[in-house]
Protein backbone atom coordinates (compact mmCIF):
# COMPACT_ATOMS: atom_id res chain seq x y z
CA MET A 1 -15.76 -0.85 11.82
CA ALA A 2 -13.05 -3.13 10.36
CA LEU A 3 -12.67 -2.63 6.61
CA LEU A 4 -10.22 -5.54 6.35
CA GLU A 5 -10.15 -8.62 8.61
CA VAL A 6 -7.52 -11.32 8.20
CA ARG A 7 -7.65 -14.62 10.11
CA GLY A 8 -5.17 -17.49 9.94
CA LEU A 9 -3.59 -16.25 6.72
CA ARG A 10 -0.97 -18.62 5.35
CA ALA A 11 0.93 -18.14 2.11
CA ALA A 12 3.55 -20.11 0.22
CA TYR A 13 5.70 -19.98 -2.90
CA GLY A 14 5.80 -23.58 -4.10
CA GLN A 15 6.85 -25.69 -1.11
CA THR A 16 8.23 -22.69 0.80
CA ARG A 17 5.75 -21.42 3.39
CA VAL A 18 6.22 -17.70 4.12
CA LEU A 19 3.18 -16.76 6.28
CA HIS A 20 2.27 -19.04 9.19
CA GLY A 21 -1.30 -18.09 10.11
CA ILE A 22 -1.32 -14.35 10.74
CA ASP A 23 -4.28 -12.38 12.11
CA PHE A 24 -4.79 -8.64 11.79
CA ALA A 25 -7.46 -6.05 11.09
CA LEU A 26 -7.58 -2.61 9.56
CA GLN A 27 -10.22 -0.03 10.41
CA GLU A 28 -12.16 2.06 7.91
CA SER A 29 -10.29 5.29 6.97
CA SER A 30 -7.21 4.31 9.00
CA ILE A 31 -3.49 3.99 8.30
CA THR A 32 -1.90 0.73 9.46
CA ALA A 33 1.80 -0.11 9.20
CA LEU A 34 3.33 -3.57 8.72
CA LEU A 35 6.89 -3.58 10.05
CA GLY A 36 9.60 -6.21 10.04
CA ALA A 37 13.06 -7.10 8.77
CA ASN A 38 13.72 -8.25 5.20
CA GLY A 39 12.20 -11.71 4.70
CA ALA A 40 9.63 -11.30 7.49
CA GLY A 41 6.72 -11.74 5.05
CA LYS A 42 5.53 -8.15 4.62
CA THR A 43 5.47 -8.09 0.82
CA THR A 44 3.95 -11.58 0.74
CA THR A 45 1.14 -10.35 3.01
CA LEU A 46 0.17 -7.66 0.50
CA ARG A 47 0.38 -10.14 -2.38
CA ALA A 48 -1.74 -12.63 -0.45
CA LEU A 49 -4.46 -10.01 0.08
CA CYS A 50 -4.58 -9.53 -3.72
CA ALA A 51 -4.59 -13.29 -4.46
CA MET A 52 -1.19 -13.08 -6.14
CA VAL A 53 0.23 -16.05 -4.16
CA ARG A 54 -1.19 -19.37 -2.96
CA THR A 55 -3.00 -18.79 0.35
CA GLU A 56 -5.08 -20.41 3.06
CA GLY A 57 -7.14 -18.66 5.71
CA GLU A 58 -9.89 -16.06 5.73
CA VAL A 59 -9.74 -12.52 4.34
CA ARG A 60 -12.78 -10.25 4.60
CA PHE A 61 -13.02 -6.86 2.88
CA ALA A 62 -16.00 -4.66 3.79
CA GLY A 63 -17.60 -7.75 5.35
CA GLU A 64 -17.23 -9.96 2.23
CA ARG A 65 -14.91 -12.94 1.88
CA ILE A 66 -12.30 -12.18 -0.79
CA ASP A 67 -9.96 -15.13 -0.26
CA GLY A 68 -10.28 -17.40 -3.29
CA ARG A 69 -11.43 -14.58 -5.58
CA ALA A 70 -9.52 -13.54 -8.69
CA THR A 71 -7.13 -10.57 -8.39
CA GLU A 72 -9.21 -8.54 -10.90
CA ASP A 73 -12.36 -9.00 -8.77
CA ILE A 74 -10.53 -7.81 -5.65
CA VAL A 75 -9.31 -4.74 -7.55
CA ARG A 76 -12.86 -3.97 -8.71
CA MET A 77 -14.06 -4.12 -5.09
CA GLY A 78 -11.73 -1.21 -4.31
CA VAL A 79 -8.36 -2.66 -3.28
CA ALA A 80 -5.41 -0.97 -5.01
CA HIS A 81 -1.88 -2.39 -4.80
CA VAL A 82 1.21 -0.16 -5.21
CA PRO A 83 3.92 -2.82 -5.56
CA ASP A 84 7.55 -2.77 -4.56
CA GLY A 85 9.40 -1.57 -7.67
CA ARG A 86 6.41 0.69 -8.55
CA GLY A 87 5.08 -1.37 -11.49
CA THR A 88 5.19 1.62 -13.85
CA PHE A 89 4.69 1.08 -17.59
CA LEU A 90 7.98 2.71 -18.58
CA HIS A 91 7.29 3.16 -22.32
CA LEU A 92 3.92 4.87 -21.80
CA SER A 93 3.50 8.51 -20.90
CA THR A 94 2.68 9.66 -17.38
CA GLU A 95 -0.95 10.34 -18.33
CA GLU A 96 -1.34 7.01 -20.16
CA ASN A 97 -0.16 5.28 -16.97
CA LEU A 98 -2.77 7.19 -14.96
CA ARG A 99 -5.58 6.30 -17.37
CA LEU A 100 -4.60 2.64 -17.10
CA GLY A 101 -5.22 2.96 -13.35
CA ALA A 102 -8.91 3.56 -14.11
CA TYR A 103 -9.25 0.51 -16.41
CA ALA A 104 -11.59 -1.31 -14.01
CA ARG A 105 -13.99 1.64 -13.73
CA ARG A 106 -17.16 2.06 -15.73
CA ASP A 107 -17.84 5.74 -14.89
CA ARG A 108 -15.75 7.13 -17.75
CA GLN A 109 -17.02 10.72 -17.44
CA SER A 110 -15.67 11.09 -13.88
CA VAL A 111 -12.22 9.77 -14.86
CA GLU A 112 -11.36 13.22 -16.26
CA SER A 113 -12.22 14.98 -12.98
CA ASP A 114 -10.20 12.36 -11.09
CA LEU A 115 -7.19 13.07 -13.30
CA GLU A 116 -7.43 16.72 -12.21
CA ARG A 117 -7.78 15.65 -8.58
CA VAL A 118 -4.65 13.50 -8.80
CA TYR A 119 -2.70 16.33 -10.46
CA GLY A 120 -3.79 18.48 -7.52
CA TYR A 121 -1.95 16.15 -5.15
CA PHE A 122 1.05 15.72 -7.48
CA PRO A 123 1.52 18.93 -9.55
CA ARG A 124 4.84 17.65 -10.88
CA LEU A 125 3.00 14.85 -12.69
CA ARG A 126 0.88 17.46 -14.50
CA GLU A 127 4.11 19.05 -15.76
CA ARG A 128 5.31 15.62 -16.89
CA ARG A 129 1.97 14.36 -18.23
CA ARG A 130 3.28 13.82 -21.80
CA GLN A 131 6.70 12.56 -20.69
CA GLN A 132 7.64 8.89 -21.02
CA ALA A 133 7.32 7.36 -17.53
CA GLY A 134 10.71 5.64 -17.79
CA THR A 135 12.42 9.05 -17.94
CA LEU A 136 10.90 10.28 -14.65
CA SER A 137 13.02 10.46 -11.49
CA GLY A 138 12.61 7.75 -8.83
CA GLY A 139 10.49 10.06 -6.70
CA GLU A 140 8.26 11.00 -9.63
CA GLN A 141 7.81 7.33 -10.56
CA GLN A 142 6.72 6.57 -6.99
CA MET A 143 4.26 9.48 -7.11
CA LEU A 144 2.97 8.10 -10.41
CA ALA A 145 2.49 4.64 -8.89
CA VAL A 146 0.45 6.10 -6.00
CA SER A 147 -1.54 8.30 -8.39
CA ARG A 148 -2.32 5.37 -10.70
CA ALA A 149 -3.71 3.46 -7.70
CA LEU A 150 -5.81 6.51 -6.75
CA MET A 151 -7.38 6.53 -10.23
CA LEU A 152 -9.08 3.28 -9.26
CA ARG A 153 -10.99 5.23 -6.55
CA PRO A 154 -9.97 2.62 -3.97
CA ARG A 155 -11.26 2.17 -0.44
CA LEU A 156 -7.97 0.52 0.51
CA MET A 157 -4.45 1.11 -0.80
CA LEU A 158 -1.71 -1.46 -0.19
CA LEU A 159 1.67 0.31 -0.35
CA ASP A 160 4.86 -1.74 -0.57
CA GLU A 161 8.01 0.17 0.47
CA PRO A 162 6.98 3.58 -0.96
CA SER A 163 10.11 5.26 0.45
CA PHE A 164 12.58 2.77 -1.06
CA GLY A 165 15.47 4.46 -2.88
CA LEU A 166 14.10 7.98 -2.41
CA ALA A 167 15.88 11.01 -0.95
CA PRO A 168 14.71 11.98 2.58
CA LEU A 169 13.08 15.22 1.35
CA VAL A 170 11.08 13.35 -1.30
CA VAL A 171 10.02 10.76 1.30
CA ARG A 172 8.70 13.53 3.60
CA GLU A 173 6.77 15.08 0.72
CA LEU A 174 5.30 11.72 -0.34
CA PHE A 175 4.26 10.78 3.22
CA ALA A 176 2.60 14.19 3.72
CA ILE A 177 0.56 13.59 0.54
CA LEU A 178 -0.39 10.06 1.72
CA ALA A 179 -1.64 11.57 5.00
CA ALA A 180 -3.69 14.14 3.04
CA ILE A 181 -5.18 11.42 0.80
CA ASN A 182 -6.17 9.44 3.89
CA GLN A 183 -7.79 12.44 5.56
CA ARG A 184 -9.54 13.98 2.54
CA GLU A 185 -10.52 10.89 0.56
CA ARG A 186 -11.02 8.59 3.59
CA VAL A 187 -8.90 5.96 1.80
CA SER A 188 -7.49 3.36 4.21
CA LEU A 189 -3.77 2.64 3.84
CA LEU A 190 -1.89 -0.57 4.65
CA LEU A 191 1.76 0.43 4.57
CA VAL A 192 4.72 -1.94 4.32
CA GLU A 193 7.78 0.12 5.12
CA GLN A 194 11.45 -0.36 6.04
CA ASN A 195 11.60 3.22 7.37
CA ALA A 196 9.91 2.30 10.66
CA ALA A 197 10.22 5.79 12.15
CA MET A 198 8.32 7.39 9.25
CA ALA A 199 5.76 4.56 9.15
CA LEU A 200 4.98 4.88 12.87
CA GLU A 201 4.68 8.64 12.51
CA LEU A 202 2.11 8.25 9.73
CA ALA A 203 0.15 5.24 11.02
CA SER A 204 -2.35 4.98 13.87
CA HIS A 205 -1.81 1.23 14.33
CA ALA A 206 1.04 -1.16 13.55
CA TYR A 207 1.86 -4.86 13.39
CA LEU A 208 5.37 -6.29 13.67
CA LEU A 209 6.11 -9.41 11.60
CA GLU A 210 8.94 -11.85 12.23
CA THR A 211 9.44 -14.89 9.97
CA GLY A 212 5.81 -14.93 8.84
CA ARG A 213 4.19 -14.40 12.25
CA VAL A 214 2.75 -11.35 14.02
CA VAL A 215 4.86 -10.95 17.16
CA LEU A 216 3.66 -7.53 18.32
CA SER A 217 0.78 -5.18 17.57
CA GLY A 218 -0.75 -2.04 19.00
CA ALA A 219 -1.16 1.70 18.61
CA ALA A 220 1.71 3.22 16.63
CA ASP A 221 2.62 5.46 19.60
CA GLU A 222 2.91 2.40 21.87
CA LEU A 223 5.20 0.60 19.44
CA ARG A 224 7.33 3.71 19.07
CA ARG A 225 7.91 3.64 22.83
CA ASN A 226 8.52 -0.14 22.96
CA ASP A 227 12.18 -0.80 23.85
CA ALA A 228 12.54 -3.83 21.57
CA VAL A 229 11.12 -1.89 18.60
CA ARG A 230 13.27 1.15 19.40
CA ARG A 231 16.45 -0.94 19.48
CA ALA A 232 15.72 -3.10 16.43
CA TYR A 233 13.97 -0.64 14.09
CA LEU A 234 14.34 2.94 15.30
CA GLY A 235 18.09 3.04 15.91
CA TYR A 236 18.00 3.71 19.66
């Protein structure tokens, strides 16, 4: 069953139109990658799903229309956004950042057990729980951003360039944890990623954006074997 269905999605910043009527879907408990060059509209797509830019078109989440709703309502329905740049509150501690991730929840007693669950995925954050977030390494800040989104107990996580600026070893570790979260928690992931090789390894399905339009879509394995994708994005 499709958890997210997008039809004719258009988005603009002022007079500048960025998305030109894109269609895509994301299945329950799946990992889907959005690929494309800089300026293709990938980040705007994630922002449009969260009502952070002006949009037209239809967006359904778990069968309900969410286009036109407020960002806070979309978050409460179970859509967590891990933005480009991580969005960490640098002057707060690691644990204060994590607790902020649960702000929309009303089940306060289970927040404590979820903190433990998150520390299970990211033990380094437990070690740094009292440390000011701004003093964490880039990799630790990215782990914190993912963990804060997990504290929402989302059904869908939107991840914008999680590998950006990270060392290859840290990227491998982070992607392995994302795969585990998807498998164990059944959280669907929509991944915007410049590292196309890693994204196609992690995802089951992928869409290729060019100048605000979907130009190619299919199983991740198929796109990995596609000559145009291999030449443009995989370095062959």
